[in-house]
Protein backbone atom coordinates (compact mmCIF):
# COMPACT_ATOMS: atom_id res chain seq x y z
CA MET A 1 -0.03 0.07 0.04
CA PRO A 2 1.25 3.50 -0.63
CA ASP A 3 2.92 5.48 2.11
CA GLU A 4 -0.08 8.02 2.48
CA VAL A 5 -3.66 7.47 1.43
CA ILE A 6 -6.06 10.46 1.62
CA LEU A 7 -9.71 10.02 0.60
CA ARG A 8 -12.31 12.61 0.36
CA LEU A 9 -15.99 11.69 0.45
CA TYR A 10 -18.68 14.01 -0.78
CA VAL A 11 -22.08 13.27 0.68
CA THR A 12 -25.34 14.73 1.88
CA ARG A 13 -25.75 13.14 5.45
CA GLN A 14 -29.50 12.45 5.03
CA ASN A 15 -28.83 10.30 1.72
CA SER A 16 -29.02 6.52 2.69
CA TYR A 17 -26.19 5.69 0.29
CA SER A 18 -24.22 8.47 1.85
CA LYS A 19 -24.67 7.09 5.39
CA ALA A 20 -23.83 3.62 4.17
CA ALA A 21 -20.58 4.87 2.46
CA ILE A 22 -19.62 6.75 5.78
CA LYS A 23 -20.07 3.44 7.61
CA THR A 24 -18.01 1.28 5.11
CA LEU A 25 -15.18 3.75 5.16
CA ASN A 26 -15.20 3.94 8.98
CA LYS A 27 -14.91 -0.01 9.01
CA LEU A 28 -11.89 0.20 6.55
CA LYS A 29 -10.21 2.71 8.56
CA LYS A 30 -9.91 0.15 11.24
CA LYS A 31 -8.32 -2.23 8.89
CA VAL A 32 -5.86 -0.02 6.77
CA ASP A 33 -4.16 3.27 7.39
CA ILE A 34 -6.31 5.78 5.51
CA SER A 35 -7.39 9.20 6.08
CA VAL A 36 -10.78 10.21 5.11
CA GLU A 37 -12.33 13.57 4.88
CA ILE A 38 -16.03 13.74 4.73
CA VAL A 39 -17.48 16.74 2.84
CA ASP A 40 -21.22 17.33 3.19
CA ILE A 41 -22.12 19.25 0.05
CA THR A 42 -25.16 20.92 1.67
CA GLU A 43 -22.64 22.51 4.06
CA ASP A 44 -19.88 23.26 1.56
CA PRO A 45 -21.41 23.46 -1.94
CA ASP A 46 -18.54 25.69 -3.10
CA LEU A 47 -16.09 22.85 -2.64
CA ALA A 48 -18.28 20.51 -4.52
CA ARG A 49 -18.61 22.80 -7.48
CA GLU A 50 -14.85 23.73 -7.45
CA ASN A 51 -14.32 19.81 -7.72
CA HIS A 52 -17.04 19.28 -10.25
CA ILE A 53 -18.94 16.83 -8.10
CA ILE A 54 -22.26 15.81 -9.98
CA ALA A 55 -23.40 12.78 -7.99
CA ILE A 56 -23.29 11.70 -4.46
CA PRO A 57 -21.89 9.70 -2.79
CA THR A 58 -18.46 10.40 -4.51
CA LEU A 59 -15.40 9.15 -3.10
CA GLU A 60 -12.06 10.88 -4.44
CA ARG A 61 -8.72 9.36 -3.87
CA VAL A 62 -6.54 12.63 -3.25
CA LYS A 63 -3.39 10.87 -2.57
CA PRO A 64 -1.49 9.03 -3.94
CA GLU A 65 -1.74 10.59 -7.44
CA PRO A 66 -3.41 10.25 -9.86
CA ARG A 67 -6.63 11.37 -8.32
CA ARG A 68 -9.47 8.88 -8.98
CA ARG A 69 -13.16 8.97 -8.18
CA ILE A 70 -15.75 6.24 -7.45
CA ILE A 71 -19.40 7.27 -7.60
CA GLY A 72 -22.57 5.49 -6.06
CA ASP A 73 -22.64 2.34 -4.18
CA LEU A 74 -19.50 2.17 -1.84
CA SER A 75 -20.72 -0.88 0.17
CA ASP A 76 -18.16 -3.53 -1.37
CA GLU A 77 -15.31 -3.46 0.82
CA GLU A 78 -13.16 -5.42 -1.63
CA SER A 79 -13.76 -2.91 -4.37
CA LEU A 80 -12.92 0.01 -2.16
CA LEU A 81 -9.47 -1.61 -1.12
CA LYS A 82 -8.63 -2.09 -4.81
CA PHE A 83 -9.69 1.41 -5.38
CA ILE A 84 -7.42 2.60 -2.61
CA GLY A 85 -4.51 0.63 -3.79
CA CYS A 86 -4.39 -2.28 -1.16
C-alpha cells in the first residue's frame, strides 16, 4: 500500500447511500491506514462545485496521485480496497 492514502467523501448526510458509504469507510479505517475527509455538500457547496461533483456519494482518492473517483454504491469493501490501492 502507498505511504499515505488520503480520501475525500462527498455526501449529503440525509442520503441513505451516503450513510452507508460513511459506515463502510469507518470500517476500512480500522483495517488499513487511510485518512478520510467527509464533505457534506449541503454545508460546503463551493468545494463540491470547484471539484465538479455531480453525484453523491462520490469518493475521491486525493493521494496518492493520480486522483481517481468512484461514484454511487460504496458498500463493497473489496472494491474499495482495490480503489485505494491495497
